[in-house]
PDB file of N, CA and C in Angstrom:
ATOM      1  N   MET A   1     -71.066 126.132   6.273  1.00  0.00           N
ATOM      2  CA  MET A   1     -70.453 124.926   5.780  1.00  0.00           C
ATOM      3  C   MET A   1     -69.369 125.292   4.759  1.00  0.00           C
ATOM      4  N   THR A   2     -68.280 124.583   4.780  1.00  0.00           N
ATOM      5  CA  THR A   2     -67.153 124.836   3.881  1.00  0.00           C
ATOM      6  C   THR A   2     -67.358 124.119   2.547  1.00  0.00           C
ATOM      7  N   CYS A   3     -66.917 124.761   1.475  1.00  0.00           N
ATOM      8  CA  CYS A   3     -67.019 124.184   0.139  1.00  0.00           C
ATOM      9  C   CYS A   3     -66.187 122.906   0.057  1.00  0.00           C
ATOM     10  N   PRO A   4     -66.748 121.836  -0.498  1.00  0.00           N
ATOM     11  CA  PRO A   4     -65.980 120.600  -0.621  1.00  0.00           C
ATOM     12  C   PRO A   4     -64.846 120.697  -1.644  1.00  0.00           C
ATOM     13  N   HIS A   5     -64.867 121.720  -2.492  1.00  0.00           N
ATOM     14  CA  HIS A   5     -63.814 121.891  -3.489  1.00  0.00           C
ATOM     15  C   HIS A   5     -62.726 122.874  -3.037  1.00  0.00           C
ATOM     16  N   LYS A   6     -62.841 123.384  -1.839  1.00  0.00           N
ATOM     17  CA  LYS A   6     -61.876 124.349  -1.320  1.00  0.00           C
ATOM     18  C   LYS A   6     -60.430 123.834  -1.386  1.00  0.00           C
ATOM     19  N   PRO A   7     -60.158 122.589  -1.025  1.00  0.00           N
ATOM     20  CA  PRO A   7     -58.770 122.111  -1.065  1.00  0.00           C
ATOM     21  C   PRO A   7     -58.172 122.012  -2.470  1.00  0.00           C
ATOM     22  N   THR A   8     -59.006 121.894  -3.492  1.00  0.00           N
ATOM     23  CA  THR A   8     -58.504 121.733  -4.858  1.00  0.00           C
ATOM     24  C   THR A   8     -58.767 122.946  -5.740  1.00  0.00           C
ATOM     25  N   CYS A   9     -59.396 123.959  -5.220  1.00  0.00           N
ATOM     26  CA  CYS A   9     -59.722 125.163  -5.995  1.00  0.00           C
ATOM     27  C   CYS A   9     -58.448 125.958  -6.271  1.00  0.00           C
ATOM     28  N   GLU A  10     -58.185 126.218  -7.553  1.00  0.00           N
ATOM     29  CA  GLU A  10     -56.980 126.971  -7.924  1.00  0.00           C
ATOM     30  C   GLU A  10     -57.048 128.423  -7.486  1.00  0.00           C
ATOM     31  N   LEU A  11     -58.233 128.959  -7.352  1.00  0.00           N
ATOM     32  CA  LEU A  11     -58.389 130.365  -6.978  1.00  0.00           C
ATOM     33  C   LEU A  11     -58.216 130.571  -5.472  1.00  0.00           C
ATOM     34  N   PHE A  12     -58.534 129.562  -4.676  1.00  0.00           N
ATOM     35  CA  PHE A  12     -58.515 129.723  -3.223  1.00  0.00           C
ATOM     36  C   PHE A  12     -57.201 130.267  -2.667  1.00  0.00           C
ATOM     37  N   PRO A  13     -56.034 129.746  -3.071  1.00  0.00           N
ATOM     38  CA  PRO A  13     -54.790 130.301  -2.516  1.00  0.00           C
ATOM     39  C   PRO A  13     -54.598 131.782  -2.840  1.00  0.00           C
ATOM     40  N   LEU A  14     -55.102 132.213  -3.989  1.00  0.00           N
ATOM     41  CA  LEU A  14     -54.971 133.624  -4.364  1.00  0.00           C
ATOM     42  C   LEU A  14     -55.875 134.520  -3.531  1.00  0.00           C
ATOM     43  N   ILE A  15     -57.105 134.072  -3.302  1.00  0.00           N
ATOM     44  CA  ILE A  15     -58.019 134.937  -2.547  1.00  0.00           C
ATOM     45  C   ILE A  15     -57.766 134.878  -1.050  1.00  0.00           C
ATOM     46  N   SER A  16     -57.271 133.753  -0.572  1.00  0.00           N
ATOM     47  CA  SER A  16     -57.007 133.666   0.862  1.00  0.00           C
ATOM     48  C   SER A  16     -55.766 134.462   1.249  1.00  0.00           C
ATOM     49  N   GLY A  17     -54.903 134.736   0.281  1.00  0.00           N
ATOM     50  CA  GLY A  17     -53.688 135.490   0.560  1.00  0.00           C
ATOM     51  C   GLY A  17     -53.835 136.983   0.365  1.00  0.00           C
ATOM     52  N   SER A  18     -55.009 137.421  -0.082  1.00  0.00           N
ATOM     53  CA  SER A  18     -55.237 138.834  -0.349  1.00  0.00           C
ATOM     54  C   SER A  18     -56.331 139.365   0.557  1.00  0.00           C
ATOM     55  N   GLY A  19     -56.001 140.361   1.358  1.00  0.00           N
ATOM     56  CA  GLY A  19     -56.980 140.937   2.275  1.00  0.00           C
ATOM     57  C   GLY A  19     -58.229 141.437   1.573  1.00  0.00           C
ATOM     58  N   ALA A  20     -58.029 142.066   0.409  1.00  0.00           N
ATOM     59  CA  ALA A  20     -59.162 142.621  -0.330  1.00  0.00           C
ATOM     60  C   ALA A  20     -60.060 141.522  -0.885  1.00  0.00           C
ATOM     61  N   LEU A  21     -59.471 140.399  -1.262  1.00  0.00           N
ATOM     62  CA  LEU A  21     -60.253 139.310  -1.847  1.00  0.00           C
ATOM     63  C   LEU A  21     -60.706 138.287  -0.810  1.00  0.00           C
ATOM     64  N   ASN A  22     -60.273 138.468   0.413  1.00  0.00           N
ATOM     65  CA  ASN A  22     -60.633 137.548   1.486  1.00  0.00           C
ATOM     66  C   ASN A  22     -62.147 137.478   1.693  1.00  0.00           C
ATOM     67  N   ILE A  23     -62.849 138.509   1.275  1.00  0.00           N
ATOM     68  CA  ILE A  23     -64.308 138.509   1.399  1.00  0.00           C
ATOM     69  C   ILE A  23     -64.927 137.373   0.592  1.00  0.00           C
ATOM     70  N   TRP A  24     -64.307 137.032  -0.573  1.00  0.00           N
ATOM     71  CA  TRP A  24     -64.796 135.899  -1.368  1.00  0.00           C
ATOM     72  C   TRP A  24     -64.697 134.623  -0.545  1.00  0.00           C
ATOM     73  N   GLN A  25     -63.571 134.453   0.126  1.00  0.00           N
ATOM     74  CA  GLN A  25     -63.371 133.255   0.943  1.00  0.00           C
ATOM     75  C   GLN A  25     -64.423 133.165   2.040  1.00  0.00           C
ATOM     76  N   ASN A  26     -64.623 134.265   2.742  1.00  0.00           N
ATOM     77  CA  ASN A  26     -65.590 134.252   3.840  1.00  0.00           C
ATOM     78  C   ASN A  26     -67.011 133.970   3.362  1.00  0.00           C
ATOM     79  N   TYR A  27     -67.388 134.591   2.255  1.00  0.00           N
ATOM     80  CA  TYR A  27     -68.758 134.458   1.786  1.00  0.00           C
ATOM     81  C   TYR A  27     -69.005 133.134   1.068  1.00  0.00           C
ATOM     82  N   TYR A  28     -68.103 132.759   0.156  1.00  0.00           N
ATOM     83  CA  TYR A  28     -68.333 131.572  -0.660  1.00  0.00           C
ATOM     84  C   TYR A  28     -67.637 130.319  -0.122  1.00  0.00           C
ATOM     85  N   CYS A  29     -66.332 130.359   0.034  1.00  0.00           N
ATOM     86  CA  CYS A  29     -65.576 129.155   0.409  1.00  0.00           C
ATOM     87  C   CYS A  29     -65.984 128.622   1.777  1.00  0.00           C
ATOM     88  N   ASP A  30     -66.194 129.535   2.703  1.00  0.00           N
ATOM     89  CA  ASP A  30     -66.538 129.135   4.068  1.00  0.00           C
ATOM     90  C   ASP A  30     -68.009 129.390   4.400  1.00  0.00           C
ATOM     91  N   GLY A  31     -68.810 129.666   3.380  1.00  0.00           N
ATOM     92  CA  GLY A  31     -70.212 129.979   3.638  1.00  0.00           C
ATOM     93  C   GLY A  31     -71.146 129.397   2.597  1.00  0.00           C
ATOM     94  N   LYS A  32     -71.623 130.265   1.726  1.00  0.00           N
ATOM     95  CA  LYS A  32     -72.652 129.882   0.764  1.00  0.00           C
ATOM     96  C   LYS A  32     -72.050 129.397  -0.550  1.00  0.00           C
ATOM     97  N   PHE A  33     -71.301 128.298  -0.464  1.00  0.00           N
ATOM     98  CA  PHE A  33     -70.579 127.806  -1.636  1.00  0.00           C
ATOM     99  C   PHE A  33     -71.511 127.348  -2.754  1.00  0.00           C
ATOM    100  N   GLU A  34     -72.754 127.020  -2.440  1.00  0.00           N
ATOM    101  CA  GLU A  34     -73.691 126.569  -3.464  1.00  0.00           C
ATOM    102  C   GLU A  34     -73.949 127.654  -4.511  1.00  0.00           C
ATOM    103  N   GLY A  35     -73.759 128.916  -4.138  1.00  0.00           N
ATOM    104  CA  GLY A  35     -73.961 130.031  -5.054  1.00  0.00           C
ATOM    105  C   GLY A  35     -72.717 130.400  -5.846  1.00  0.00           C
ATOM    106  N   CYS A  36     -71.610 129.734  -5.589  1.00  0.00           N
ATOM    107  CA  CYS A  36     -70.337 130.017  -6.263  1.00  0.00           C
ATOM    108  C   CYS A  36     -70.373 129.487  -7.696  1.00  0.00           C
ATOM    109  N   LYS A  37     -70.059 130.339  -8.644  1.00  0.00           N
ATOM    110  CA  LYS A  37     -70.047 129.933 -10.055  1.00  0.00           C
ATOM    111  C   LYS A  37     -68.971 128.884 -10.320  1.00  0.00           C
ATOM    112  N   ARG A  38     -67.878 128.946  -9.595  1.00  0.00           N
ATOM    113  CA  ARG A  38     -66.828 127.935  -9.746  1.00  0.00           C
ATOM    114  C   ARG A  38     -67.350 126.580  -9.279  1.00  0.00           C
ATOM    115  N   TYR A  39     -68.003 126.562  -8.153  1.00  0.00           N
ATOM    116  CA  TYR A  39     -68.584 125.316  -7.622  1.00  0.00           C
ATOM    117  C   TYR A  39     -69.636 124.770  -8.579  1.00  0.00           C
ATOM    118  N   GLN A  40     -70.510 125.646  -9.062  1.00  0.00           N
ATOM    119  CA  GLN A  40     -71.556 125.230  -9.988  1.00  0.00           C
ATOM    120  C   GLN A  40     -70.963 124.643 -11.265  1.00  0.00           C
ATOM    121  N   SER A  41     -69.854 125.223 -11.731  1.00  0.00           N
ATOM    122  CA  SER A  41     -69.201 124.718 -12.936  1.00  0.00           C
ATOM    123  C   SER A  41     -68.652 123.316 -12.730  1.00  0.00           C
ATOM    124  N   THR A  42     -68.162 123.021 -11.532  1.00  0.00           N
ATOM    125  CA  THR A  42     -67.655 121.671 -11.269  1.00  0.00           C
ATOM    126  C   THR A  42     -68.797 120.669 -11.329  1.00  0.00           C
ATOM    127  N   LEU A  43     -69.958 121.057 -10.863  1.00  0.00           N
ATOM    128  CA  LEU A  43     -71.105 120.158 -10.903  1.00  0.00           C
ATOM    129  C   LEU A  43     -71.555 119.888 -12.333  1.00  0.00           C
ATOM    130  N   ASP A  44     -71.363 120.881 -13.194  1.00  0.00           N
ATOM    131  CA  ASP A  44     -71.722 120.749 -14.603  1.00  0.00           C
ATOM    132  C   ASP A  44     -70.623 120.064 -15.412  1.00  0.00           C
ATOM    133  N   GLY A  45     -69.481 119.781 -14.771  1.00  0.00           N
ATOM    134  CA  GLY A  45     -68.367 119.135 -15.446  1.00  0.00           C
ATOM    135  C   GLY A  45     -67.584 120.054 -16.364  1.00  0.00           C
ATOM    136  N   LYS A  46     -67.740 121.359 -16.172  1.00  0.00           N
ATOM    137  CA  LYS A  46     -67.050 122.330 -17.023  1.00  0.00           C
ATOM    138  C   LYS A  46     -65.634 122.591 -16.521  1.00  0.00           C
ATOM    139  N   LYS A  47     -64.748 122.928 -17.460  1.00  0.00           N
ATOM    140  CA  LYS A  47     -63.391 123.343 -17.102  1.00  0.00           C
ATOM    141  C   LYS A  47     -63.501 124.749 -16.498  1.00  0.00           C
ATOM    142  N   ILE A  48     -62.830 124.951 -15.392  1.00  0.00           N
ATOM    143  CA  ILE A  48     -62.936 126.215 -14.674  1.00  0.00           C
ATOM    144  C   ILE A  48     -61.669 127.028 -14.868  1.00  0.00           C
ATOM    145  N   PRO A  49     -61.779 128.192 -15.521  1.00  0.00           N
ATOM    146  CA  PRO A  49     -60.592 129.044 -15.645  1.00  0.00           C
ATOM    147  C   PRO A  49     -60.239 129.635 -14.279  1.00  0.00           C
ATOM    148  N   ILE A  50     -58.953 129.772 -14.016  1.00  0.00           N
ATOM    149  CA  ILE A  50     -58.525 130.309 -12.719  1.00  0.00           C
ATOM    150  C   ILE A  50     -59.046 131.727 -12.497  1.00  0.00           C
ATOM    151  N   THR A  51     -59.349 132.414 -13.572  1.00  0.00           N
ATOM    152  CA  THR A  51     -59.801 133.800 -13.478  1.00  0.00           C
ATOM    153  C   THR A  51     -61.284 133.940 -13.141  1.00  0.00           C
ATOM    154  N   LEU A  52     -62.020 132.825 -13.119  1.00  0.00           N
ATOM    155  CA  LEU A  52     -63.452 132.888 -12.795  1.00  0.00           C
ATOM    156  C   LEU A  52     -63.636 133.128 -11.303  1.00  0.00           C
ATOM    157  N   LEU A  53     -64.281 134.237 -10.964  1.00  0.00           N
ATOM    158  CA  LEU A  53     -64.571 134.553  -9.569  1.00  0.00           C
ATOM    159  C   LEU A  53     -65.860 133.861  -9.138  1.00  0.00           C
ATOM    160  N   PRO A  54     -66.061 133.713  -7.851  1.00  0.00           N
ATOM    161  CA  PRO A  54     -67.261 133.054  -7.358  1.00  0.00           C
ATOM    162  C   PRO A  54     -68.575 133.679  -7.845  1.00  0.00           C
ATOM    163  N   ASN A  55     -68.553 134.976  -8.145  1.00  0.00           N
ATOM    164  CA  ASN A  55     -69.781 135.637  -8.590  1.00  0.00           C
ATOM    165  C   ASN A  55     -69.970 135.569 -10.102  1.00  0.00           C
ATOM    166  N   GLY A  56     -69.043 134.901 -10.803  1.00  0.00           N
ATOM    167  CA  GLY A  56     -69.150 134.739 -12.246  1.00  0.00           C
ATOM    168  C   GLY A  56     -68.374 135.762 -13.050  1.00  0.00           C
ATOM    169  N   LYS A  57     -67.822 136.763 -12.395  1.00  0.00           N
ATOM    170  CA  LYS A  57     -67.011 137.759 -13.099  1.00  0.00           C
ATOM    171  C   LYS A  57     -65.588 137.238 -13.252  1.00  0.00           C
ATOM    172  N   THR A  58     -64.776 137.978 -13.994  1.00  0.00           N
ATOM    173  CA  THR A  58     -63.409 137.567 -14.278  1.00  0.00           C
ATOM    174  C   THR A  58     -62.404 138.411 -13.504  1.00  0.00           C
ATOM    175  N   LEU A  59     -61.426 137.763 -12.930  1.00  0.00           N
ATOM    176  CA  LEU A  59     -60.368 138.412 -12.162  1.00  0.00           C
ATOM    177  C   LEU A  59     -59.169 138.679 -13.059  1.00  0.00           C
ATOM    178  N   ASP A  60     -58.608 139.867 -12.952  1.00  0.00           N
ATOM    179  CA  ASP A  60     -57.381 140.201 -13.669  1.00  0.00           C
ATOM    180  C   ASP A  60     -56.212 139.723 -12.814  1.00  0.00           C
ATOM    181  N   ILE A  61     -55.721 138.541 -13.113  1.00  0.00           N
ATOM    182  CA  ILE A  61     -54.649 137.920 -12.330  1.00  0.00           C
ATOM    183  C   ILE A  61     -53.386 138.775 -12.321  1.00  0.00           C
ATOM    184  N   SER A  62     -53.059 139.414 -13.432  1.00  0.00           N
ATOM    185  CA  SER A  62     -51.835 140.217 -13.484  1.00  0.00           C
ATOM    186  C   SER A  62     -51.902 141.371 -12.491  1.00  0.00           C
ATOM    187  N   ALA A  63     -53.071 141.951 -12.303  1.00  0.00           N
ATOM    188  CA  ALA A  63     -53.212 143.038 -11.331  1.00  0.00           C
ATOM    189  C   ALA A  63     -53.062 142.513  -9.909  1.00  0.00           C
ATOM    190  N   LEU A  64     -53.592 141.323  -9.660  1.00  0.00           N
ATOM    191  CA  LEU A  64     -53.505 140.719  -8.331  1.00  0.00           C
ATOM    192  C   LEU A  64     -52.068 140.402  -7.962  1.00  0.00           C
ATOM    193  N   LYS A  65     -51.313 139.878  -8.918  1.00  0.00           N
ATOM    194  CA  LYS A  65     -49.919 139.507  -8.668  1.00  0.00           C
ATOM    195  C   LYS A  65     -48.963 140.671  -8.803  1.00  0.00           C
ATOM    196  N   GLY A  66     -49.470 141.807  -9.293  1.00  0.00           N
ATOM    197  CA  GLY A  66     -48.596 142.953  -9.479  1.00  0.00           C
ATOM    198  C   GLY A  66     -47.670 142.791 -10.657  1.00  0.00           C
ATOM    199  N   THR A  67     -48.087 141.993 -11.644  1.00  0.00           N
ATOM    200  CA  THR A  67     -47.241 141.741 -12.802  1.00  0.00           C
ATOM    201  C   THR A  67     -47.838 142.358 -14.061  1.00  0.00           C
ATOM    202  N   GLY A  68     -48.676 143.324 -13.877  1.00  0.00           N
ATOM    203  CA  GLY A  68     -49.288 143.981 -15.035  1.00  0.00           C
ATOM    204  C   GLY A  68     -48.263 144.756 -15.824  1.00  0.00           C
ATOM    205  N   ASN A  69     -48.635 145.187 -16.986  1.00  0.00           N
ATOM    206  CA  ASN A  69     -47.739 145.955 -17.843  1.00  0.00           C
ATOM    207  C   ASN A  69     -47.896 147.442 -17.545  1.00  0.00           C
ATOM    208  N   ASP A  70     -47.457 147.837 -16.372  1.00  0.00           N
ATOM    209  CA  ASP A  70     -47.544 149.233 -15.974  1.00  0.00           C
ATOM    210  C   ASP A  70     -46.498 150.041 -16.744  1.00  0.00           C
ATOM    211  N   LYS A  71     -46.939 151.083 -17.378  1.00  0.00           N
ATOM    212  CA  LYS A  71     -46.001 151.960 -18.101  1.00  0.00           C
ATOM    213  C   LYS A  71     -45.777 153.209 -17.276  1.00  0.00           C
ATOM    214  N   LYS A  72     -44.516 153.502 -17.015  1.00  0.00           N
ATOM    215  CA  LYS A  72     -44.185 154.662 -16.187  1.00  0.00           C
ATOM    216  C   LYS A  72     -43.449 155.674 -17.002  1.00  0.00           C
TER     217      LYS A  72
END
């Protein structure tokens, strides 16, 4: 079953566009969304940071977008 918050989830476009993060989409967004920390937070009425991953860990958005402060 698909997560009912998939269309409005700020993280979904980022993970669906990344092959490495696509596993989150397959497991949580299109599967066991009840275990997603983002989904659970919506039920609790909490503000969800875009960096919150479905497993409750934090995503480094700058690394995902390739905009980190790489020093060469």
